[in-house]
Amino acid sequence: MRQAGFQVDVNPTISSRQLRKIVSNYDALIVRSRTKVTKEIIEAGKRLRAIGRAGTGLDNIDVETVEKKGIMVFNVPEAGTNAVAELTIGLIISLARSIPLADRSMKEGKWIKKELMGWELRDKTLGIVGLGNVGERVARMAKTLGMKILITKRTPPAPELLRELEAEFVLLQELLQRSDAVTIHVPLTPQTKQMISAQEIRLMKKGALLINTSRGAIVNEKALLDALKSGKLGGAALDVYEIEPPKDLSVIRLPNVICTPHIGAQTERTYRMTAISIAEKIVNAFT
């Protein structure tokens, strides 16, 4: 951006209060997930013409206020596609084979081989909720592992894409009933918030796995906790949480849960692609 003639100030640890005080000095603002671009910040940004989210989703930006102000908004959902998809597949395999538990027990000097009976992904059914960039990439990876693929989304995918993925399009209720593992790949919106709650979990197979690398608030954590403790669900893998970092560790501490600290897109390649892409979009918007 500096090469394009922009004056750029970098402050990755700025607080909301500090940002509100100085945002009026800027024509553009670029944030990651930590910074919440609230109505107050947007209204204080008298000169703002563009806001960039260096990542996927816009749930940390008050889009309604931005649209009223006529400010351009950009994100780069494509940059982290492969990284998040790879983590998702890794979490599914880790759950199916209890890899974290096996590793931890070995380091504690235990040999619990007989307790670690897992299952293979081949011929198991994977339900993919959402078929954006990440969901489609997960489907392609799961196909190579020999999994049967069910997909649900707001609108049916193109028939040729379903044939290519060897996948079946079904409604959410049917996907939950038939899947051995369910992975979530939808943005956080008023419509998707808490979309996987007690009612939806009751539809799932006993012992099924739930994986969430999308947004924490899409899954009701209380319902998830109850299902994991009762044995209704065999396990869960979480990279995202409703509050980050999470304050309630009830789900995280369960032995049948694998947790990572929102590292889905945290690879060197993704960071570089994200930075370049959002910078190019802001530069192009002004030039």
C-alpha atoms as a PDB file:
ATOM      1  CA  MET A   1       0.000   0.000   0.000  1.00  0.00           C
ATOM      2  CA  ARG A   2       2.914   2.353   0.710  1.00  0.00           C
ATOM      3  CA  GLN A   3       4.285   1.585  -2.743  1.00  0.00           C
ATOM      4  CA  ALA A   4       0.918   2.723  -4.111  1.00  0.00           C
ATOM      5  CA  GLY A   5       1.319   6.071  -2.330  1.00  0.00           C
ATOM      6  CA  PHE A   6      -0.697   5.426   0.821  1.00  0.00           C
ATOM      7  CA  GLN A   7       0.361   6.653   4.233  1.00  0.00           C
ATOM      8  CA  VAL A   8      -0.030   3.540   6.392  1.00  0.00           C
ATOM      9  CA  ASP A   9      -0.136   3.349  10.194  1.00  0.00           C
ATOM     10  CA  VAL A  10       0.108  -0.118  11.757  1.00  0.00           C
ATOM     11  CA  ASN A  11      -1.266  -0.698  15.248  1.00  0.00           C
ATOM     12  CA  PRO A  12      -2.264  -4.357  15.755  1.00  0.00           C
ATOM     13  CA  THR A  13      -2.920  -4.000  19.496  1.00  0.00           C
ATOM     14  CA  ILE A  14      -5.088  -0.866  19.395  1.00  0.00           C
ATOM     15  CA  SER A  15      -8.114  -0.837  21.715  1.00  0.00           C
ATOM     16  CA  SER A  16     -11.634   0.084  20.632  1.00  0.00           C
ATOM     17  CA  ARG A  17     -11.453   3.291  22.667  1.00  0.00           C
ATOM     18  CA  GLN A  18      -8.150   4.305  21.050  1.00  0.00           C
ATOM     19  CA  LEU A  19      -9.447   3.496  17.585  1.00  0.00           C
ATOM     20  CA  ARG A  20     -12.577   5.582  18.130  1.00  0.00           C
ATOM     21  CA  LYS A  21     -10.401   8.576  19.049  1.00  0.00           C
ATOM     22  CA  ILE A  22      -8.166   8.463  15.962  1.00  0.00           C
ATOM     23  CA  VAL A  23     -10.293   6.851  13.229  1.00  0.00           C
ATOM     24  CA  SER A  24     -11.360  10.297  11.952  1.00  0.00           C
ATOM     25  CA  ASN A  25      -7.809  10.720  10.568  1.00  0.00           C
ATOM     26  CA  TYR A  26      -8.174   7.867   8.083  1.00  0.00           C
ATOM     27  CA  ASP A  27      -9.728   7.238   4.684  1.00  0.00           C
ATOM     28  CA  ALA A  28      -9.451   3.451   5.013  1.00  0.00           C
ATOM     29  CA  LEU A  29      -9.351   0.941   7.850  1.00  0.00           C
ATOM     30  CA  ILE A  30      -8.081  -2.642   7.706  1.00  0.00           C
ATOM     31  CA  VAL A  31      -8.785  -5.040  10.585  1.00  0.00           C
ATOM     32  CA  ARG A  32      -8.555  -8.702  11.427  1.00  0.00           C
ATOM     33  CA  SER A  33     -10.989 -10.583  13.672  1.00  0.00           C
ATOM     34  CA  ARG A  34      -9.816  -9.048  16.988  1.00  0.00           C
ATOM     35  CA  THR A  35     -10.998  -5.520  16.219  1.00  0.00           C
ATOM     36  CA  LYS A  36     -14.742  -4.893  16.331  1.00  0.00           C
ATOM     37  CA  VAL A  37     -15.752  -2.125  13.915  1.00  0.00           C
ATOM     38  CA  THR A  38     -18.816  -0.893  15.798  1.00  0.00           C
ATOM     39  CA  LYS A  39     -21.394   1.722  14.890  1.00  0.00           C
ATOM     40  CA  GLU A  40     -19.572   4.208  17.158  1.00  0.00           C
ATOM     41  CA  ILE A  41     -16.261   3.660  15.387  1.00  0.00           C
ATOM     42  CA  ILE A  42     -17.845   3.936  11.947  1.00  0.00           C
ATOM     43  CA  GLU A  43     -19.668   7.156  12.830  1.00  0.00           C
ATOM     44  CA  ALA A  44     -16.460   8.599  14.274  1.00  0.00           C
ATOM     45  CA  GLY A  45     -14.660   7.836  11.000  1.00  0.00           C
ATOM     46  CA  LYS A  46     -15.815  10.959   9.169  1.00  0.00           C
ATOM     47  CA  ARG A  47     -13.329  10.389   6.322  1.00  0.00           C
ATOM     48  CA  LEU A  48     -13.774   6.633   5.994  1.00  0.00           C
ATOM     49  CA  ARG A  49     -14.403   5.473   2.444  1.00  0.00           C
ATOM     50  CA  ALA A  50     -13.312   1.826   2.734  1.00  0.00           C
ATOM     51  CA  ILE A  51     -13.047  -0.870   5.402  1.00  0.00           C
ATOM     52  CA  GLY A  52     -11.132  -4.070   4.787  1.00  0.00           C
ATOM     53  CA  ARG A  53     -11.407  -7.290   6.788  1.00  0.00           C
ATOM     54  CA  ALA A  54      -8.170  -9.254   6.406  1.00  0.00           C
ATOM     55  CA  GLY A  55      -9.888 -12.619   6.535  1.00  0.00           C
ATOM     56  CA  THR A  56     -13.228 -14.250   5.913  1.00  0.00           C
ATOM     57  CA  GLY A  57     -16.611 -13.129   7.235  1.00  0.00           C
ATOM     58  CA  LEU A  58     -17.812  -9.670   8.212  1.00  0.00           C
ATOM     59  CA  ASP A  59     -19.353 -10.501  11.590  1.00  0.00           C
ATOM     60  CA  ASN A  60     -16.993  -8.128  13.436  1.00  0.00           C
ATOM     61  CA  ILE A  61     -18.103  -5.180  11.282  1.00  0.00           C
ATOM     62  CA  ASP A  62     -21.423  -3.342  11.641  1.00  0.00           C
ATOM     63  CA  VAL A  63     -22.318  -3.820   7.988  1.00  0.00           C
ATOM     64  CA  GLU A  64     -25.704  -2.114   8.341  1.00  0.00           C
ATOM     65  CA  THR A  65     -24.114   1.145   9.480  1.00  0.00           C
ATOM     66  CA  VAL A  66     -21.394   0.843   6.845  1.00  0.00           C
ATOM     67  CA  GLU A  67     -23.997   0.510   4.090  1.00  0.00           C
ATOM     68  CA  LYS A  68     -25.952   3.531   5.377  1.00  0.00           C
ATOM     69  CA  LYS A  69     -22.749   5.582   5.262  1.00  0.00           C
ATOM     70  CA  GLY A  70     -21.930   4.420   1.730  1.00  0.00           C
ATOM     71  CA  ILE A  71     -18.565   3.015   2.827  1.00  0.00           C
ATOM     72  CA  MET A  72     -17.039   0.235   0.737  1.00  0.00           C
ATOM     73  CA  VAL A  73     -16.395  -3.049   2.580  1.00  0.00           C
ATOM     74  CA  PHE A  74     -13.992  -5.778   1.493  1.00  0.00           C
ATOM     75  CA  ASN A  75     -12.884  -9.131   2.836  1.00  0.00           C
ATOM     76  CA  VAL A  76     -10.842 -12.022   1.434  1.00  0.00           C
ATOM     77  CA  PRO A  77     -12.784 -15.235   2.002  1.00  0.00           C
ATOM     78  CA  GLU A  78     -10.772 -17.026  -0.650  1.00  0.00           C
ATOM     79  CA  ALA A  79      -7.363 -16.648   0.998  1.00  0.00           C
ATOM     80  CA  GLY A  80      -7.768 -19.134   3.855  1.00  0.00           C
ATOM     81  CA  THR A  81      -9.802 -21.730   1.982  1.00  0.00           C
ATOM     82  CA  ASN A  82      -7.196 -24.467   1.777  1.00  0.00           C
ATOM     83  CA  ALA A  83      -5.780 -23.913   5.283  1.00  0.00           C
ATOM     84  CA  VAL A  84      -9.195 -24.123   6.979  1.00  0.00           C
ATOM     85  CA  ALA A  85     -10.201 -27.140   4.893  1.00  0.00           C
ATOM     86  CA  GLU A  86      -6.991 -28.977   5.775  1.00  0.00           C
ATOM     87  CA  LEU A  87      -7.475 -28.255   9.475  1.00  0.00           C
ATOM     88  CA  THR A  88     -11.056 -29.531   9.230  1.00  0.00           C
ATOM     89  CA  ILE A  89      -9.974 -32.836   7.704  1.00  0.00           C
ATOM     90  CA  GLY A  90      -7.189 -33.088  10.264  1.00  0.00           C
ATOM     91  CA  LEU A  91      -9.674 -32.632  13.102  1.00  0.00           C
ATOM     92  CA  ILE A  92     -12.020 -35.269  11.667  1.00  0.00           C
ATOM     93  CA  ILE A  93      -9.174 -37.804  11.464  1.00  0.00           C
ATOM     94  CA  SER A  94      -7.975 -36.839  14.951  1.00  0.00           C
ATOM     95  CA  LEU A  95     -11.450 -37.466  16.367  1.00  0.00           C
ATOM     96  CA  ALA A  96     -11.965 -40.728  14.499  1.00  0.00           C
ATOM     97  CA  ARG A  97      -8.623 -42.134  15.728  1.00  0.00           C
ATOM     98  CA  SER A  98      -8.357 -40.354  19.128  1.00  0.00           C
ATOM     99  CA  ILE A  99      -4.938 -39.035  18.158  1.00  0.00           C
ATOM    100  CA  PRO A 100      -4.654 -36.324  20.864  1.00  0.00           C
ATOM    101  CA  LEU A 101      -5.662 -38.793  23.611  1.00  0.00           C
ATOM    102  CA  ALA A 102      -3.235 -41.407  22.287  1.00  0.00           C
ATOM    103  CA  ASP A 103      -0.399 -38.874  22.231  1.00  0.00           C
ATOM    104  CA  ARG A 104      -1.193 -37.560  25.706  1.00  0.00           C
ATOM    105  CA  SER A 105      -1.411 -41.026  27.260  1.00  0.00           C
ATOM    106  CA  MET A 106       1.933 -42.059  25.756  1.00  0.00           C
ATOM    107  CA  LYS A 107       3.615 -38.956  27.182  1.00  0.00           C
ATOM    108  CA  GLU A 108       2.145 -39.876  30.570  1.00  0.00           C
ATOM    109  CA  GLY A 109       3.763 -43.303  30.317  1.00  0.00           C
ATOM    110  CA  LYS A 110       0.484 -45.141  29.679  1.00  0.00           C
ATOM    111  CA  TRP A 111      -0.221 -47.862  27.092  1.00  0.00           C
ATOM    112  CA  ILE A 112      -3.979 -47.698  26.450  1.00  0.00           C
ATOM    113  CA  LYS A 113      -4.048 -49.436  23.062  1.00  0.00           C
ATOM    114  CA  LYS A 114      -7.179 -51.486  23.851  1.00  0.00           C
ATOM    115  CA  GLU A 115      -9.120 -48.323  24.748  1.00  0.00           C
ATOM    116  CA  LEU A 116      -8.380 -46.602  21.441  1.00  0.00           C
ATOM    117  CA  MET A 117     -10.572 -48.450  18.967  1.00  0.00           C
ATOM    118  CA  GLY A 118     -11.241 -45.936  16.208  1.00  0.00           C
ATOM    119  CA  TRP A 119     -13.036 -45.954  12.885  1.00  0.00           C
ATOM    120  CA  GLU A 120     -11.907 -45.363   9.322  1.00  0.00           C
ATOM    121  CA  LEU A 121     -13.271 -42.498   7.250  1.00  0.00           C
ATOM    122  CA  ARG A 122     -13.725 -44.644   4.136  1.00  0.00           C
ATOM    123  CA  ASP A 123     -17.432 -45.322   3.511  1.00  0.00           C
ATOM    124  CA  LYS A 124     -18.472 -43.077   6.407  1.00  0.00           C
ATOM    125  CA  THR A 125     -20.937 -40.271   5.639  1.00  0.00           C
ATOM    126  CA  LEU A 126     -19.759 -36.671   6.027  1.00  0.00           C
ATOM    127  CA  GLY A 127     -22.407 -33.971   6.252  1.00  0.00           C
ATOM    128  CA  ILE A 128     -21.192 -30.553   5.104  1.00  0.00           C
ATOM    129  CA  VAL A 129     -23.302 -27.603   6.251  1.00  0.00           C
ATOM    130  CA  GLY A 130     -22.584 -24.827   3.752  1.00  0.00           C
ATOM    131  CA  LEU A 131     -20.814 -25.090   0.422  1.00  0.00           C
ATOM    132  CA  GLY A 132     -18.763 -21.928   0.090  1.00  0.00           C
ATOM    133  CA  ASN A 133     -15.058 -21.943  -0.682  1.00  0.00           C
ATOM    134  CA  VAL A 134     -14.105 -23.966   2.404  1.00  0.00           C
ATOM    135  CA  GLY A 135     -17.061 -26.355   2.287  1.00  0.00           C
ATOM    136  CA  GLU A 136     -16.356 -27.245  -1.324  1.00  0.00           C
ATOM    137  CA  ARG A 137     -12.651 -27.790  -0.601  1.00  0.00           C
ATOM    138  CA  VAL A 138     -13.517 -30.062   2.336  1.00  0.00           C
ATOM    139  CA  ALA A 139     -15.853 -32.026   0.076  1.00  0.00           C
ATOM    140  CA  ARG A 140     -13.077 -32.575  -2.478  1.00  0.00           C
ATOM    141  CA  MET A 141     -10.675 -33.780   0.217  1.00  0.00           C
ATOM    142  CA  ALA A 142     -13.286 -36.051   1.800  1.00  0.00           C
ATOM    143  CA  LYS A 143     -14.069 -37.554  -1.593  1.00  0.00           C
ATOM    144  CA  THR A 144     -10.432 -38.657  -1.999  1.00  0.00           C
ATOM    145  CA  LEU A 145     -10.676 -40.347   1.420  1.00  0.00           C
ATOM    146  CA  GLY A 146     -13.594 -42.432   0.211  1.00  0.00           C
ATOM    147  CA  MET A 147     -16.268 -40.706   2.288  1.00  0.00           C
ATOM    148  CA  LYS A 148     -19.884 -40.404   1.232  1.00  0.00           C
ATOM    149  CA  ILE A 149     -20.798 -36.722   1.084  1.00  0.00           C
ATOM    150  CA  LEU A 150     -24.050 -34.978   1.956  1.00  0.00           C
ATOM    151  CA  ILE A 151     -24.400 -31.235   1.426  1.00  0.00           C
ATOM    152  CA  THR A 152     -26.933 -28.718   2.649  1.00  0.00           C
ATOM    153  CA  LYS A 153     -27.072 -25.019   1.817  1.00  0.00           C
ATOM    154  CA  ARG A 154     -29.659 -22.305   1.222  1.00  0.00           C
ATOM    155  CA  THR A 155     -29.876 -22.955  -2.514  1.00  0.00           C
ATOM    156  CA  PRO A 156     -29.138 -26.229  -4.321  1.00  0.00           C
ATOM    157  CA  PRO A 157     -25.636 -26.469  -5.843  1.00  0.00           C
ATOM    158  CA  ALA A 158     -25.246 -26.809  -9.584  1.00  0.00           C
ATOM    159  CA  PRO A 159     -25.969 -30.403 -10.682  1.00  0.00           C
ATOM    160  CA  GLU A 160     -22.576 -30.629 -12.398  1.00  0.00           C
ATOM    161  CA  LEU A 161     -20.803 -29.682  -9.147  1.00  0.00           C
ATOM    162  CA  LEU A 162     -22.693 -32.358  -7.229  1.00  0.00           C
ATOM    163  CA  ARG A 163     -21.711 -34.922  -9.860  1.00  0.00           C
ATOM    164  CA  GLU A 164     -18.082 -33.804  -9.707  1.00  0.00           C
ATOM    165  CA  LEU A 165     -18.046 -34.090  -5.907  1.00  0.00           C
ATOM    166  CA  GLU A 166     -20.090 -37.308  -5.992  1.00  0.00           C
ATOM    167  CA  ALA A 167     -22.246 -35.622  -3.361  1.00  0.00           C
ATOM    168  CA  GLU A 168     -25.946 -35.548  -2.533  1.00  0.00           C
ATOM    169  CA  PHE A 169     -27.874 -32.358  -1.744  1.00  0.00           C
ATOM    170  CA  VAL A 170     -30.327 -32.750   1.157  1.00  0.00           C
ATOM    171  CA  LEU A 171     -32.115 -30.583   3.687  1.00  0.00           C
ATOM    172  CA  LEU A 172     -30.397 -29.956   7.031  1.00  0.00           C
ATOM    173  CA  GLN A 173     -32.702 -32.318   8.936  1.00  0.00           C
ATOM    174  CA  GLU A 174     -31.869 -35.249   6.656  1.00  0.00           C
ATOM    175  CA  LEU A 175     -28.153 -34.423   6.678  1.00  0.00           C
ATOM    176  CA  LEU A 176     -28.074 -34.529  10.480  1.00  0.00           C
ATOM    177  CA  GLN A 177     -29.954 -37.828  10.584  1.00  0.00           C
ATOM    178  CA  ARG A 178     -27.709 -39.612   8.068  1.00  0.00           C
ATOM    179  CA  SER A 179     -24.207 -38.264   8.773  1.00  0.00           C
ATOM    180  CA  ASP A 180     -21.502 -39.980  10.824  1.00  0.00           C
ATOM    181  CA  ALA A 181     -19.692 -36.647  11.056  1.00  0.00           C
ATOM    182  CA  VAL A 182     -21.048 -33.126  10.522  1.00  0.00           C
ATOM    183  CA  THR A 183     -18.791 -30.184   9.679  1.00  0.00           C
ATOM    184  CA  ILE A 184     -19.973 -26.573   9.633  1.00  0.00           C
ATOM    185  CA  HIS A 185     -18.928 -24.033   6.988  1.00  0.00           C
ATOM    186  CA  VAL A 186     -21.404 -21.150   6.986  1.00  0.00           C
ATOM    187  CA  PRO A 187     -20.876 -17.466   7.874  1.00  0.00           C
ATOM    188  CA  LEU A 188     -22.276 -16.093  11.115  1.00  0.00           C
ATOM    189  CA  THR A 189     -25.488 -14.204  10.348  1.00  0.00           C
ATOM    190  CA  PRO A 190     -28.754 -13.692  12.252  1.00  0.00           C
ATOM    191  CA  GLN A 191     -30.071 -16.715  10.338  1.00  0.00           C
ATOM    192  CA  THR A 192     -27.172 -19.048  11.204  1.00  0.00           C
ATOM    193  CA  LYS A 193     -26.636 -18.013  14.831  1.00  0.00           C
ATOM    194  CA  GLN A 194     -27.396 -21.035  17.064  1.00  0.00           C
ATOM    195  CA  MET A 195     -28.516 -23.016  14.009  1.00  0.00           C
ATOM    196  CA  ILE A 196     -27.128 -26.181  15.641  1.00  0.00           C
ATOM    197  CA  SER A 197     -28.964 -26.340  18.959  1.00  0.00           C
ATOM    198  CA  ALA A 198     -30.530 -29.076  21.096  1.00  0.00           C
ATOM    199  CA  GLN A 199     -33.264 -29.775  18.556  1.00  0.00           C
ATOM    200  CA  GLU A 200     -30.773 -30.304  15.727  1.00  0.00           C
ATOM    201  CA  ILE A 201     -28.387 -32.400  17.841  1.00  0.00           C
ATOM    202  CA  ARG A 202     -31.250 -34.724  18.792  1.00  0.00           C
ATOM    203  CA  LEU A 203     -31.590 -35.580  15.098  1.00  0.00           C
ATOM    204  CA  MET A 204     -27.979 -36.726  14.810  1.00  0.00           C
ATOM    205  CA  LYS A 205     -26.822 -40.332  15.010  1.00  0.00           C
ATOM    206  CA  LYS A 206     -25.771 -41.579  18.430  1.00  0.00           C
ATOM    207  CA  GLY A 207     -21.980 -41.350  18.519  1.00  0.00           C
ATOM    208  CA  ALA A 208     -21.734 -38.907  15.601  1.00  0.00           C
ATOM    209  CA  LEU A 209     -18.976 -36.309  15.450  1.00  0.00           C
ATOM    210  CA  LEU A 210     -19.429 -32.531  15.185  1.00  0.00           C
ATOM    211  CA  ILE A 211     -16.700 -30.279  13.771  1.00  0.00           C
ATOM    212  CA  ASN A 212     -16.847 -26.480  13.800  1.00  0.00           C
ATOM    213  CA  THR A 213     -14.147 -24.386  12.131  1.00  0.00           C
ATOM    214  CA  SER A 214     -16.569 -21.660  11.069  1.00  0.00           C
ATOM    215  CA  ARG A 215     -17.896 -19.424  13.881  1.00  0.00           C
ATOM    216  CA  GLY A 216     -18.521 -20.400  17.490  1.00  0.00           C
ATOM    217  CA  ALA A 217     -21.972 -18.855  17.841  1.00  0.00           C
ATOM    218  CA  ILE A 218     -23.396 -21.146  15.148  1.00  0.00           C
ATOM    219  CA  VAL A 219     -23.431 -23.999  17.688  1.00  0.00           C
ATOM    220  CA  ASN A 220     -25.268 -23.763  21.009  1.00  0.00           C
ATOM    221  CA  GLU A 221     -22.512 -24.594  23.491  1.00  0.00           C
ATOM    222  CA  LYS A 222     -24.882 -25.692  26.280  1.00  0.00           C
ATOM    223  CA  ALA A 223     -26.625 -28.155  23.950  1.00  0.00           C
ATOM    224  CA  LEU A 224     -23.261 -29.402  22.725  1.00  0.00           C
ATOM    225  CA  LEU A 225     -22.018 -29.902  26.295  1.00  0.00           C
ATOM    226  CA  ASP A 226     -25.117 -31.913  27.235  1.00  0.00           C
ATOM    227  CA  ALA A 227     -24.859 -34.102  24.118  1.00  0.00           C
ATOM    228  CA  LEU A 228     -21.179 -34.852  24.685  1.00  0.00           C
ATOM    229  CA  LYS A 229     -21.623 -35.678  28.370  1.00  0.00           C
ATOM    230  CA  SER A 230     -24.635 -37.931  27.717  1.00  0.00           C
ATOM    231  CA  GLY A 231     -22.923 -39.863  24.930  1.00  0.00           C
ATOM    232  CA  LYS A 232     -25.376 -38.682  22.292  1.00  0.00           C
ATOM    233  CA  LEU A 233     -22.390 -37.320  20.376  1.00  0.00           C
ATOM    234  CA  GLY A 234     -19.202 -39.350  20.182  1.00  0.00           C
ATOM    235  CA  GLY A 235     -16.990 -36.288  20.026  1.00  0.00           C
ATOM    236  CA  ALA A 236     -16.520 -32.738  18.839  1.00  0.00           C
ATOM    237  CA  ALA A 237     -13.667 -30.729  17.367  1.00  0.00           C
ATOM    238  CA  LEU A 238     -13.736 -26.966  17.783  1.00  0.00           C
ATOM    239  CA  ASP A 239     -11.519 -24.242  16.384  1.00  0.00           C
ATOM    240  CA  VAL A 240     -13.970 -21.419  17.109  1.00  0.00           C
ATOM    241  CA  TYR A 241     -15.939 -20.283  20.163  1.00  0.00           C
ATOM    242  CA  GLU A 242     -18.756 -17.854  20.906  1.00  0.00           C
ATOM    243  CA  ILE A 243     -16.399 -15.886  23.168  1.00  0.00           C
ATOM    244  CA  GLU A 244     -12.724 -15.844  22.199  1.00  0.00           C
ATOM    245  CA  PRO A 245     -10.707 -16.685  24.136  1.00  0.00           C
ATOM    246  CA  PRO A 246     -13.404 -18.755  25.861  1.00  0.00           C
ATOM    247  CA  LYS A 247     -14.085 -18.131  29.541  1.00  0.00           C
ATOM    248  CA  ASP A 248     -16.226 -21.227  30.150  1.00  0.00           C
ATOM    249  CA  LEU A 249     -14.030 -24.306  29.665  1.00  0.00           C
ATOM    250  CA  SER A 250     -16.743 -26.903  30.357  1.00  0.00           C
ATOM    251  CA  VAL A 251     -16.830 -28.206  26.768  1.00  0.00           C
ATOM    252  CA  ILE A 252     -13.116 -27.799  26.162  1.00  0.00           C
ATOM    253  CA  ARG A 253     -12.129 -29.967  29.130  1.00  0.00           C
ATOM    254  CA  LEU A 254     -14.206 -32.976  28.071  1.00  0.00           C
ATOM    255  CA  PRO A 255     -12.074 -35.987  27.033  1.00  0.00           C
ATOM    256  CA  ASN A 256     -14.031 -36.470  23.788  1.00  0.00           C
ATOM    257  CA  VAL A 257     -13.394 -32.912  22.602  1.00  0.00           C
ATOM    258  CA  ILE A 258     -10.459 -31.643  20.548  1.00  0.00           C
ATOM    259  CA  CYS A 259      -9.838 -27.907  20.652  1.00  0.00           C
ATOM    260  CA  THR A 260      -7.594 -25.482  18.788  1.00  0.00           C
ATOM    261  CA  PRO A 261      -7.386 -21.692  19.379  1.00  0.00           C
ATOM    262  CA  HIS A 262      -8.933 -20.399  16.123  1.00  0.00           C
ATOM    263  CA  ILE A 263      -5.961 -21.401  13.957  1.00  0.00           C
ATOM    264  CA  GLY A 264      -7.948 -22.352  10.840  1.00  0.00           C
ATOM    265  CA  ALA A 265      -6.326 -19.769   8.567  1.00  0.00           C
ATOM    266  CA  GLN A 266      -3.145 -19.394  10.578  1.00  0.00           C
ATOM    267  CA  THR A 267      -0.485 -20.480   8.107  1.00  0.00           C
ATOM    268  CA  GLU A 268       2.306 -18.416   6.602  1.00  0.00           C
ATOM    269  CA  ARG A 269       0.922 -18.879   3.082  1.00  0.00           C
ATOM    270  CA  THR A 270      -2.584 -17.794   4.075  1.00  0.00           C
ATOM    271  CA  TYR A 271      -1.356 -14.761   6.015  1.00  0.00           C
ATOM    272  CA  ARG A 272       0.669 -13.585   3.031  1.00  0.00           C
ATOM    273  CA  MET A 273      -2.179 -14.194   0.553  1.00  0.00           C
ATOM    274  CA  THR A 274      -4.637 -12.417   2.865  1.00  0.00           C
ATOM    275  CA  ALA A 275      -2.403  -9.377   3.331  1.00  0.00           C
ATOM    276  CA  ILE A 276      -1.667  -8.982  -0.376  1.00  0.00           C
ATOM    277  CA  SER A 277      -5.279  -9.497  -1.416  1.00  0.00           C
ATOM    278  CA  ILE A 278      -6.837  -7.022   1.021  1.00  0.00           C
ATOM    279  CA  ALA A 279      -4.165  -4.423   0.214  1.00  0.00           C
ATOM    280  CA  GLU A 280      -4.836  -4.799  -3.516  1.00  0.00           C
ATOM    281  CA  LYS A 281      -8.597  -4.456  -2.999  1.00  0.00           C
ATOM    282  CA  ILE A 282      -8.212  -1.240  -0.988  1.00  0.00           C
ATOM    283  CA  VAL A 283      -5.714   0.233  -3.464  1.00  0.00           C
ATOM    284  CA  ASN A 284      -7.975  -0.601  -6.411  1.00  0.00           C
ATOM    285  CA  ALA A 285     -10.969   0.927  -4.647  1.00  0.00           C
ATOM    286  CA  PHE A 286      -9.228   4.267  -4.381  1.00  0.00           C
ATOM    287  CA  THR A 287      -7.472   4.255  -7.756  1.00  0.00           C
END
